[in-house]
């Protein structure tokens, strides 16, 4: 974000600091924006650091639940494909022919 701000002279002044963090905050993912918005951070570097922490924590949480779900799924036999080609032994004897 900082690298792209250099092409917008409006954001390079001290008076535009508030505009910069509003623009940054509006570009965040909704889940991070919701967490950050409650804090009402008015310092741009702090806003960036808190956003990175929220993003990192969110990814760690997702990985934790993904790993836990995969572990429990293996024990219960979930996710195994059906046997499409196999027939039952007594399948042909039903029907009277």
PDB file of N, CA and C in Angstrom:
ATOM      1  N   UNK A   1       0.826  -1.190   0.000  1.00  0.00           N
ATOM      2  CA  UNK A   1       0.000   0.000   0.000  1.00  0.00           C
ATOM      3  C   UNK A   1       0.870   1.253   0.000  1.00  0.00           C
ATOM      4  N   UNK A   2       1.896   1.229   0.828  1.00  0.00           N
ATOM      5  CA  UNK A   2       2.807   2.374   0.903  1.00  0.00           C
ATOM      6  C   UNK A   2       3.512   2.608  -0.429  1.00  0.00           C
ATOM      7  N   UNK A   3       3.893   1.524  -1.110  1.00  0.00           N
ATOM      8  CA  UNK A   3       4.581   1.666  -2.390  1.00  0.00           C
ATOM      9  C   UNK A   3       3.682   2.323  -3.425  1.00  0.00           C
ATOM     10  N   UNK A   4       2.403   1.980  -3.418  1.00  0.00           N
ATOM     11  CA  UNK A   4       1.477   2.570  -4.378  1.00  0.00           C
ATOM     12  C   UNK A   4       1.087   3.995  -4.004  1.00  0.00           C
ATOM     13  N   UNK A   5       1.159   4.332  -2.734  1.00  0.00           N
ATOM     14  CA  UNK A   5       0.818   5.690  -2.289  1.00  0.00           C
ATOM     15  C   UNK A   5       1.778   6.735  -2.838  1.00  0.00           C
ATOM     16  N   UNK A   6       2.980   6.327  -3.180  1.00  0.00           N
ATOM     17  CA  UNK A   6       3.931   7.315  -3.698  1.00  0.00           C
ATOM     18  C   UNK A   6       3.482   7.875  -5.041  1.00  0.00           C
ATOM     19  N   UNK A   7       2.600   7.152  -5.756  1.00  0.00           N
ATOM     20  CA  UNK A   7       2.078   7.647  -7.022  1.00  0.00           C
ATOM     21  C   UNK A   7       0.885   8.579  -6.832  1.00  0.00           C
ATOM     22  N   UNK A   8       0.385   8.682  -5.626  1.00  0.00           N
ATOM     23  CA  UNK A   8      -0.730   9.581  -5.309  1.00  0.00           C
ATOM     24  C   UNK A   8      -0.203  10.673  -4.381  1.00  0.00           C
ATOM     25  N   UNK A   9       0.173  11.816  -4.929  1.00  0.00           N
ATOM     26  CA  UNK A   9       0.787  12.875  -4.112  1.00  0.00           C
ATOM     27  C   UNK A   9      -0.091  13.335  -2.951  1.00  0.00           C
ATOM     28  N   UNK A  10      -1.387  13.187  -3.083  1.00  0.00           N
ATOM     29  CA  UNK A  10      -2.290  13.611  -2.013  1.00  0.00           C
ATOM     30  C   UNK A  10      -1.997  12.874  -0.707  1.00  0.00           C
ATOM     31  N   UNK A  11      -1.618  11.605  -0.800  1.00  0.00           N
ATOM     32  CA  UNK A  11      -1.396  10.797   0.399  1.00  0.00           C
ATOM     33  C   UNK A  11      -0.006  10.988   1.004  1.00  0.00           C
ATOM     34  N   UNK A  12       0.850  11.770   0.371  1.00  0.00           N
ATOM     35  CA  UNK A  12       2.221  11.932   0.851  1.00  0.00           C
ATOM     36  C   UNK A  12       2.410  13.112   1.795  1.00  0.00           C
ATOM     37  N   UNK A  13       1.347  13.750   2.203  1.00  0.00           N
ATOM     38  CA  UNK A  13       1.454  14.881   3.123  1.00  0.00           C
ATOM     39  C   UNK A  13       0.995  14.460   4.513  1.00  0.00           C
ATOM     40  N   UNK A  14       1.416  15.217   5.513  1.00  0.00           N
ATOM     41  CA  UNK A  14       1.011  14.915   6.889  1.00  0.00           C
ATOM     42  C   UNK A  14      -0.482  15.155   7.096  1.00  0.00           C
ATOM     43  N   UNK A  15      -1.049  16.106   6.365  1.00  0.00           N
ATOM     44  CA  UNK A  15      -2.477  16.391   6.500  1.00  0.00           C
ATOM     45  C   UNK A  15      -3.332  15.247   5.964  1.00  0.00           C
ATOM     46  N   UNK A  16      -2.761  14.457   5.076  1.00  0.00           N
ATOM     47  CA  UNK A  16      -3.516  13.372   4.448  1.00  0.00           C
ATOM     48  C   UNK A  16      -3.362  12.045   5.184  1.00  0.00           C
ATOM     49  N   UNK A  17      -2.743  12.057   6.339  1.00  0.00           N
ATOM     50  CA  UNK A  17      -2.533  10.815   7.097  1.00  0.00           C
ATOM     51  C   UNK A  17      -3.862  10.128   7.406  1.00  0.00           C
ATOM     52  N   UNK A  18      -4.862  10.902   7.791  1.00  0.00           N
ATOM     53  CA  UNK A  18      -6.174  10.324   8.101  1.00  0.00           C
ATOM     54  C   UNK A  18      -6.810   9.723   6.850  1.00  0.00           C
ATOM     55  N   UNK A  19      -6.677  10.407   5.723  1.00  0.00           N
ATOM     56  CA  UNK A  19      -7.212   9.868   4.470  1.00  0.00           C
ATOM     57  C   UNK A  19      -6.525   8.560   4.101  1.00  0.00           C
ATOM     58  N   UNK A  20      -5.237   8.480   4.382  1.00  0.00           N
ATOM     59  CA  UNK A  20      -4.467   7.279   4.052  1.00  0.00           C
ATOM     60  C   UNK A  20      -4.966   6.079   4.849  1.00  0.00           C
ATOM     61  N   UNK A  21      -5.157   6.235   6.155  1.00  0.00           N
ATOM     62  CA  UNK A  21      -5.595   5.068   6.927  1.00  0.00           C
ATOM     63  C   UNK A  21      -7.046   4.734   6.666  1.00  0.00           C
ATOM     64  N   UNK A  22      -7.876   5.729   6.305  1.00  0.00           N
ATOM     65  CA  UNK A  22      -9.262   5.421   5.933  1.00  0.00           C
ATOM     66  C   UNK A  22      -9.272   4.606   4.642  1.00  0.00           C
ATOM     67  N   UNK A  23      -8.462   5.013   3.671  1.00  0.00           N
ATOM     68  CA  UNK A  23      -8.368   4.292   2.401  1.00  0.00           C
ATOM     69  C   UNK A  23      -7.842   2.873   2.636  1.00  0.00           C
ATOM     70  N   UNK A  24      -6.831   2.745   3.478  1.00  0.00           N
ATOM     71  CA  UNK A  24      -6.268   1.428   3.781  1.00  0.00           C
ATOM     72  C   UNK A  24      -7.294   0.543   4.478  1.00  0.00           C
ATOM     73  N   UNK A  25      -7.967   1.089   5.464  1.00  0.00           N
ATOM     74  CA  UNK A  25      -8.955   0.321   6.226  1.00  0.00           C
ATOM     75  C   UNK A  25     -10.114  -0.128   5.339  1.00  0.00           C
ATOM     76  N   UNK A  26     -10.532   0.715   4.411  1.00  0.00           N
ATOM     77  CA  UNK A  26     -11.625   0.347   3.510  1.00  0.00           C
ATOM     78  C   UNK A  26     -11.222  -0.742   2.520  1.00  0.00           C
ATOM     79  N   UNK A  27      -9.928  -0.928   2.297  1.00  0.00           N
ATOM     80  CA  UNK A  27      -9.451  -1.958   1.390  1.00  0.00           C
ATOM     81  C   UNK A  27      -9.197  -3.303   2.051  1.00  0.00           C
ATOM     82  N   UNK A  28      -9.388  -3.381   3.357  1.00  0.00           N
ATOM     83  CA  UNK A  28      -9.154  -4.638   4.074  1.00  0.00           C
ATOM     84  C   UNK A  28     -10.275  -5.635   3.816  1.00  0.00           C
ATOM     85  N   UNK A  29      -9.960  -6.916   4.003  1.00  0.00           N
ATOM     86  CA  UNK A  29     -11.000  -7.947   3.931  1.00  0.00           C
ATOM     87  C   UNK A  29     -12.032  -7.676   5.010  1.00  0.00           C
ATOM     88  N   UNK A  30     -13.288  -8.049   4.770  1.00  0.00           N
ATOM     89  CA  UNK A  30     -14.350  -7.747   5.746  1.00  0.00           C
ATOM     90  C   UNK A  30     -14.082  -8.283   7.150  1.00  0.00           C
ATOM     91  N   UNK A  31     -13.524  -9.482   7.273  1.00  0.00           N
ATOM     92  CA  UNK A  31     -13.283 -10.034   8.610  1.00  0.00           C
ATOM     93  C   UNK A  31     -12.214  -9.238   9.363  1.00  0.00           C
ATOM     94  N   UNK A  32     -11.168  -8.837   8.677  1.00  0.00           N
ATOM     95  CA  UNK A  32     -10.122  -8.033   9.314  1.00  0.00           C
ATOM     96  C   UNK A  32     -10.634  -6.623   9.582  1.00  0.00           C
ATOM     97  N   UNK A  33     -11.373  -6.090   8.633  1.00  0.00           N
ATOM     98  CA  UNK A  33     -11.913  -4.736   8.794  1.00  0.00           C
ATOM     99  C   UNK A  33     -12.826  -4.653  10.016  1.00  0.00           C
ATOM    100  N   UNK A  34     -13.601  -5.697  10.243  1.00  0.00           N
ATOM    101  CA  UNK A  34     -14.501  -5.714  11.393  1.00  0.00           C
ATOM    102  C   UNK A  34     -13.702  -5.701  12.697  1.00  0.00           C
ATOM    103  N   UNK A  35     -12.666  -6.511  12.776  1.00  0.00           N
ATOM    104  CA  UNK A  35     -11.845  -6.558  13.989  1.00  0.00           C
ATOM    105  C   UNK A  35     -11.088  -5.251  14.215  1.00  0.00           C
ATOM    106  N   UNK A  36     -10.526  -4.707  13.166  1.00  0.00           N
ATOM    107  CA  UNK A  36      -9.733  -3.485  13.272  1.00  0.00           C
ATOM    108  C   UNK A  36     -10.630  -2.278  13.520  1.00  0.00           C
ATOM    109  N   UNK A  37     -11.807  -2.267  12.916  1.00  0.00           N
ATOM    110  CA  UNK A  37     -12.703  -1.120  13.028  1.00  0.00           C
ATOM    111  C   UNK A  37     -13.138  -0.833  14.449  1.00  0.00           C
ATOM    112  N   UNK A  38     -13.264  -1.863  15.268  1.00  0.00           N
ATOM    113  CA  UNK A  38     -13.671  -1.665  16.659  1.00  0.00           C
ATOM    114  C   UNK A  38     -12.611  -0.921  17.469  1.00  0.00           C
ATOM    115  N   UNK A  39     -11.367  -1.037  17.068  1.00  0.00           N
ATOM    116  CA  UNK A  39     -10.276  -0.391  17.805  1.00  0.00           C
ATOM    117  C   UNK A  39     -10.143   1.097  17.511  1.00  0.00           C
ATOM    118  N   UNK A  40     -10.694   1.542  16.401  1.00  0.00           N
ATOM    119  CA  UNK A  40     -10.610   2.945  15.979  1.00  0.00           C
ATOM    120  C   UNK A  40      -9.174   3.457  16.026  1.00  0.00           C
ATOM    121  N   UNK A  41      -8.294   2.769  15.349  1.00  0.00           N
ATOM    122  CA  UNK A  41      -6.880   3.127  15.304  1.00  0.00           C
ATOM    123  C   UNK A  41      -6.709   4.331  14.379  1.00  0.00           C
ATOM    124  N   UNK A  42      -6.011   5.345  14.854  1.00  0.00           N
ATOM    125  CA  UNK A  42      -5.818   6.567  14.076  1.00  0.00           C
ATOM    126  C   UNK A  42      -4.350   6.812  13.728  1.00  0.00           C
ATOM    127  N   UNK A  43      -3.522   5.802  13.897  1.00  0.00           N
ATOM    128  CA  UNK A  43      -2.109   5.886  13.556  1.00  0.00           C
ATOM    129  C   UNK A  43      -1.848   4.868  12.451  1.00  0.00           C
ATOM    130  N   UNK A  44      -1.380   5.330  11.280  1.00  0.00           N
ATOM    131  CA  UNK A  44      -1.260   4.446  10.124  1.00  0.00           C
ATOM    132  C   UNK A  44      -0.333   3.253  10.360  1.00  0.00           C
ATOM    133  N   UNK A  45       0.882   3.424  10.868  1.00  0.00           N
ATOM    134  CA  UNK A  45       1.738   2.248  11.101  1.00  0.00           C
ATOM    135  C   UNK A  45       1.113   1.237  12.069  1.00  0.00           C
ATOM    136  N   UNK A  46       0.428   1.719  13.083  1.00  0.00           N
ATOM    137  CA  UNK A  46      -0.249   0.816  14.023  1.00  0.00           C
ATOM    138  C   UNK A  46      -1.364   0.060  13.325  1.00  0.00           C
ATOM    139  N   UNK A  47      -2.101   0.753  12.474  1.00  0.00           N
ATOM    140  CA  UNK A  47      -3.180   0.116  11.716  1.00  0.00           C
ATOM    141  C   UNK A  47      -2.642  -1.001  10.831  1.00  0.00           C
ATOM    142  N   UNK A  48      -1.528  -0.742  10.160  1.00  0.00           N
ATOM    143  CA  UNK A  48      -0.921  -1.752   9.290  1.00  0.00           C
ATOM    144  C   UNK A  48      -0.458  -2.951  10.114  1.00  0.00           C
ATOM    145  N   UNK A  49       0.209  -2.705  11.237  1.00  0.00           N
ATOM    146  CA  UNK A  49       0.694  -3.805  12.082  1.00  0.00           C
ATOM    147  C   UNK A  49      -0.447  -4.639  12.645  1.00  0.00           C
ATOM    148  N   UNK A  50      -1.491  -3.984  13.126  1.00  0.00           N
ATOM    149  CA  UNK A  50      -2.646  -4.716  13.667  1.00  0.00           C
ATOM    150  C   UNK A  50      -3.329  -5.527  12.574  1.00  0.00           C
ATOM    151  N   UNK A  51      -3.386  -4.990  11.364  1.00  0.00           N
ATOM    152  CA  UNK A  51      -3.995  -5.710  10.244  1.00  0.00           C
ATOM    153  C   UNK A  51      -3.195  -6.957   9.901  1.00  0.00           C
ATOM    154  N   UNK A  52      -1.874  -6.826   9.914  1.00  0.00           N
ATOM    155  CA  UNK A  52      -1.015  -7.987   9.642  1.00  0.00           C
ATOM    156  C   UNK A  52      -1.193  -9.060  10.713  1.00  0.00           C
ATOM    157  N   UNK A  53      -1.288  -8.637  11.960  1.00  0.00           N
ATOM    158  CA  UNK A  53      -1.480  -9.588  13.058  1.00  0.00           C
ATOM    159  C   UNK A  53      -2.814 -10.310  12.905  1.00  0.00           C
ATOM    160  N   UNK A  54      -3.868  -9.571  12.588  1.00  0.00           N
ATOM    161  CA  UNK A  54      -5.192 -10.189  12.399  1.00  0.00           C
ATOM    162  C   UNK A  54      -5.175 -11.175  11.244  1.00  0.00           C
ATOM    163  N   UNK A  55      -4.494 -10.805  10.158  1.00  0.00           N
ATOM    164  CA  UNK A  55      -4.416 -11.688   8.999  1.00  0.00           C
ATOM    165  C   UNK A  55      -3.649 -12.959   9.348  1.00  0.00           C
ATOM    166  N   UNK A  56      -2.535 -12.808  10.039  1.00  0.00           N
ATOM    167  CA  UNK A  56      -1.723 -13.959  10.443  1.00  0.00           C
ATOM    168  C   UNK A  56      -2.497 -14.871  11.394  1.00  0.00           C
ATOM    169  N   UNK A  57      -3.187 -14.283  12.363  1.00  0.00           N
ATOM    170  CA  UNK A  57      -3.986 -15.069  13.307  1.00  0.00           C
ATOM    171  C   UNK A  57      -5.136 -15.780  12.607  1.00  0.00           C
ATOM    172  N   UNK A  58      -5.754 -15.105  11.653  1.00  0.00           N
ATOM    173  CA  UNK A  58      -6.854 -15.715  10.907  1.00  0.00           C
ATOM    174  C   UNK A  58      -6.391 -16.915  10.101  1.00  0.00           C
ATOM    175  N   UNK A  59      -5.212 -16.793   9.481  1.00  0.00           N
ATOM    176  CA  UNK A  59      -4.663 -17.916   8.720  1.00  0.00           C
ATOM    177  C   UNK A  59      -4.295 -19.073   9.646  1.00  0.00           C
ATOM    178  N   UNK A  60      -3.721 -18.760  10.807  1.00  0.00           N
ATOM    179  CA  UNK A  60      -3.364 -19.805  11.769  1.00  0.00           C
ATOM    180  C   UNK A  60      -4.615 -20.519  12.269  1.00  0.00           C
ATOM    181  N   UNK A  61      -5.670 -19.768  12.523  1.00  0.00           N
ATOM    182  CA  UNK A  61      -6.927 -20.355  12.984  1.00  0.00           C
ATOM    183  C   UNK A  61      -7.520 -21.265  11.914  1.00  0.00           C
ATOM    184  N   UNK A  62      -7.502 -20.816  10.666  1.00  0.00           N
ATOM    185  CA  UNK A  62      -8.034 -21.623   9.569  1.00  0.00           C
ATOM    186  C   UNK A  62      -7.230 -22.908   9.396  1.00  0.00           C
ATOM    187  N   UNK A  63      -5.904 -22.808   9.487  1.00  0.00           N
ATOM    188  CA  UNK A  63      -5.056 -23.997   9.369  1.00  0.00           C
ATOM    189  C   UNK A  63      -5.296 -24.969  10.514  1.00  0.00           C
ATOM    190  N   UNK A  64      -5.503 -24.444  11.717  1.00  0.00           N
ATOM    191  CA  UNK A  64      -5.762 -25.299  12.873  1.00  0.00           C
ATOM    192  C   UNK A  64      -7.046 -26.099  12.667  1.00  0.00           C
ATOM    193  N   UNK A  65      -8.115 -25.414  12.280  1.00  0.00           N
ATOM    194  CA  UNK A  65      -9.388 -26.107  12.100  1.00  0.00           C
ATOM    195  C   UNK A  65      -9.362 -27.043  10.901  1.00  0.00           C
ATOM    196  N   UNK A  66      -8.601 -26.687   9.873  1.00  0.00           N
ATOM    197  CA  UNK A  66      -8.472 -27.569   8.715  1.00  0.00           C
ATOM    198  C   UNK A  66      -7.759 -28.859   9.119  1.00  0.00           C
ATOM    199  N   UNK A  67      -6.676 -28.729   9.882  1.00  0.00           N
ATOM    200  CA  UNK A  67      -5.934 -29.906  10.334  1.00  0.00           C
ATOM    201  C   UNK A  67      -6.777 -30.754  11.281  1.00  0.00           C
ATOM    202  N   UNK A  68      -7.515 -30.114  12.173  1.00  0.00           N
ATOM    203  CA  UNK A  68      -8.366 -30.855  13.107  1.00  0.00           C
ATOM    204  C   UNK A  68      -9.479 -31.571  12.364  1.00  0.00           C
ATOM    205  N   UNK A  69     -10.019 -30.940  11.345  1.00  0.00           N
ATOM    206  CA  UNK A  69     -11.090 -31.536  10.559  1.00  0.00           C
ATOM    207  C   UNK A  69     -10.572 -32.726   9.757  1.00  0.00           C
ATOM    208  N   UNK A  70      -9.374 -32.592   9.183  1.00  0.00           N
ATOM    209  CA  UNK A  70      -8.791 -33.703   8.437  1.00  0.00           C
ATOM    210  C   UNK A  70      -8.489 -34.879   9.358  1.00  0.00           C
ATOM    211  N   UNK A  71      -8.013 -34.599  10.546  1.00  0.00           N
ATOM    212  CA  UNK A  71      -7.682 -35.656  11.502  1.00  0.00           C
ATOM    213  C   UNK A  71      -8.936 -36.405  11.924  1.00  0.00           C
ATOM    214  N   UNK A  72      -9.982 -35.691  12.258  1.00  0.00           N
ATOM    215  CA  UNK A  72     -11.210 -36.357  12.692  1.00  0.00           C
ATOM    216  C   UNK A  72     -11.905 -37.033  11.520  1.00  0.00           C
ATOM    217  N   UNK A  73     -11.747 -36.517  10.323  1.00  0.00           N
ATOM    218  CA  UNK A  73     -12.371 -37.116   9.146  1.00  0.00           C
ATOM    219  C   UNK A  73     -11.788 -38.476   8.816  1.00  0.00           C
ATOM    220  N   UNK A  74     -10.500 -38.674   9.048  1.00  0.00           N
ATOM    221  CA  UNK A  74      -9.862 -39.955   8.759  1.00  0.00           C
ATOM    222  C   UNK A  74     -10.360 -41.044   9.704  1.00  0.00           C
ATOM    223  N   UNK A  75     -10.600 -40.692  10.942  1.00  0.00           N
ATOM    224  CA  UNK A  75     -11.053 -41.673  11.920  1.00  0.00           C
ATOM    225  C   UNK A  75     -12.470 -42.156  11.634  1.00  0.00           C
ATOM    226  N   UNK A  76     -13.291 -41.323  11.032  1.00  0.00           N
ATOM    227  CA  UNK A  76     -14.683 -41.678  10.797  1.00  0.00           C
ATOM    228  C   UNK A  76     -14.935 -42.212   9.393  1.00  0.00           C
ATOM    229  N   UNK A  77     -13.908 -42.297   8.574  1.00  0.00           N
ATOM    230  CA  UNK A  77     -14.072 -42.830   7.234  1.00  0.00           C
ATOM    231  C   UNK A  77     -14.751 -41.868   6.282  1.00  0.00           C
ATOM    232  N   UNK A  78     -14.705 -40.612   6.563  1.00  0.00           N
ATOM    233  CA  UNK A  78     -15.314 -39.617   5.679  1.00  0.00           C
ATOM    234  C   UNK A  78     -14.419 -39.365   4.479  1.00  0.00           C
ATOM    235  N   UNK A  79     -15.049 -38.960   3.412  1.00  0.00           N
ATOM    236  CA  UNK A  79     -14.299 -38.576   2.238  1.00  0.00           C
ATOM    237  C   UNK A  79     -13.875 -39.728   1.356  1.00  0.00           C
ATOM    238  N   UNK A  80     -14.295 -40.938   1.654  1.00  0.00           N
ATOM    239  CA  UNK A  80     -13.941 -42.065   0.812  1.00  0.00           C
ATOM    240  C   UNK A  80     -14.935 -42.158  -0.336  1.00  0.00           C
ATOM    241  N   UNK A  81     -14.448 -42.369  -1.557  1.00  0.00           N
ATOM    242  CA  UNK A  81     -15.366 -42.453  -2.701  1.00  0.00           C
ATOM    243  C   UNK A  81     -16.155 -43.756  -2.683  1.00  0.00           C
ATOM    244  N   UNK A  82     -17.301 -43.704  -3.316  1.00  0.00           N
ATOM    245  CA  UNK A  82     -18.118 -44.905  -3.446  1.00  0.00           C
ATOM    246  C   UNK A  82     -17.478 -45.857  -4.444  1.00  0.00           C
ATOM    247  N   UNK A  83     -17.739 -47.139  -4.278  1.00  0.00           N
ATOM    248  CA  UNK A  83     -17.263 -48.140  -5.219  1.00  0.00           C
ATOM    249  C   UNK A  83     -18.287 -48.236  -6.342  1.00  0.00           C
ATOM    250  N   UNK A  84     -18.019 -47.625  -7.479  1.00  0.00           N
ATOM    251  CA  UNK A  84     -18.982 -47.549  -8.573  1.00  0.00           C
ATOM    252  C   UNK A  84     -19.042 -48.840  -9.386  1.00  0.00           C
ATOM    253  N   UNK A  85     -17.951 -49.562  -9.481  1.00  0.00           N
ATOM    254  CA  UNK A  85     -17.910 -50.717 -10.366  1.00  0.00           C
ATOM    255  C   UNK A  85     -18.307 -52.032  -9.725  1.00  0.00           C
ATOM    256  N   UNK A  86     -18.302 -52.149  -8.440  1.00  0.00           N
ATOM    257  CA  UNK A  86     -18.559 -53.422  -7.774  1.00  0.00           C
ATOM    258  C   UNK A  86     -20.034 -53.741  -7.648  1.00  0.00           C
ATOM    259  N   UNK A  87     -20.377 -55.036  -7.758  1.00  0.00           N
ATOM    260  CA  UNK A  87     -21.756 -55.489  -7.555  1.00  0.00           C
ATOM    261  C   UNK A  87     -21.788 -56.385  -6.334  1.00  0.00           C
ATOM    262  N   UNK A  88     -22.945 -56.454  -5.723  1.00  0.00           N
ATOM    263  CA  UNK A  88     -23.115 -57.344  -4.585  1.00  0.00           C
ATOM    264  C   UNK A  88     -23.224 -58.781  -5.089  1.00  0.00           C
ATOM    265  N   UNK A  89     -22.902 -59.735  -4.249  1.00  0.00           N
ATOM    266  CA  UNK A  89     -22.880 -61.142  -4.635  1.00  0.00           C
ATOM    267  C   UNK A  89     -24.274 -61.641  -4.982  1.00  0.00           C
ATOM    268  N   UNK A  90     -25.284 -61.316  -4.198  1.00  0.00           N
ATOM    269  CA  UNK A  90     -26.636 -61.827  -4.403  1.00  0.00           C
ATOM    270  C   UNK A  90     -27.510 -60.887  -5.227  1.00  0.00           C
ATOM    271  N   UNK A  91     -26.945 -59.927  -5.897  1.00  0.00           N
ATOM    272  CA  UNK A  91     -27.726 -58.926  -6.607  1.00  0.00           C
ATOM    273  C   UNK A  91     -28.493 -59.530  -7.776  1.00  0.00           C
ATOM    274  N   UNK A  92     -27.932 -60.500  -8.479  1.00  0.00           N
ATOM    275  CA  UNK A  92     -28.590 -61.092  -9.648  1.00  0.00           C
ATOM    276  C   UNK A  92     -29.665 -62.102  -9.291  1.00  0.00           C
ATOM    277  N   UNK A  93     -29.705 -62.637  -8.096  1.00  0.00           N
ATOM    278  CA  UNK A  93     -30.665 -63.674  -7.745  1.00  0.00           C
ATOM    279  C   UNK A  93     -32.025 -63.116  -7.358  1.00  0.00           C
ATOM    280  N   UNK A  94     -32.142 -61.832  -7.116  1.00  0.00           N
ATOM    281  CA  UNK A  94     -33.422 -61.242  -6.747  1.00  0.00           C
ATOM    282  C   UNK A  94     -34.192 -60.935  -8.025  1.00  0.00           C
ATOM    283  N   UNK A  95     -35.475 -61.273  -8.063  1.00  0.00           N
ATOM    284  CA  UNK A  95     -36.293 -60.958  -9.220  1.00  0.00           C
ATOM    285  C   UNK A  95     -36.938 -62.187  -9.822  1.00  0.00           C
ATOM    286  N   UNK A  96     -36.592 -63.372  -9.450  1.00  0.00           N
ATOM    287  CA  UNK A  96     -37.283 -64.576  -9.860  1.00  0.00           C
ATOM    288  C   UNK A  96     -36.861 -65.159 -11.186  1.00  0.00           C
ATOM    289  N   UNK A  97     -35.863 -64.736 -11.854  1.00  0.00           N
ATOM    290  CA  UNK A  97     -35.487 -65.315 -13.136  1.00  0.00           C
ATOM    291  C   UNK A  97     -34.447 -66.342 -12.992  1.00  0.00           C
TER     292      UNK A  97
END
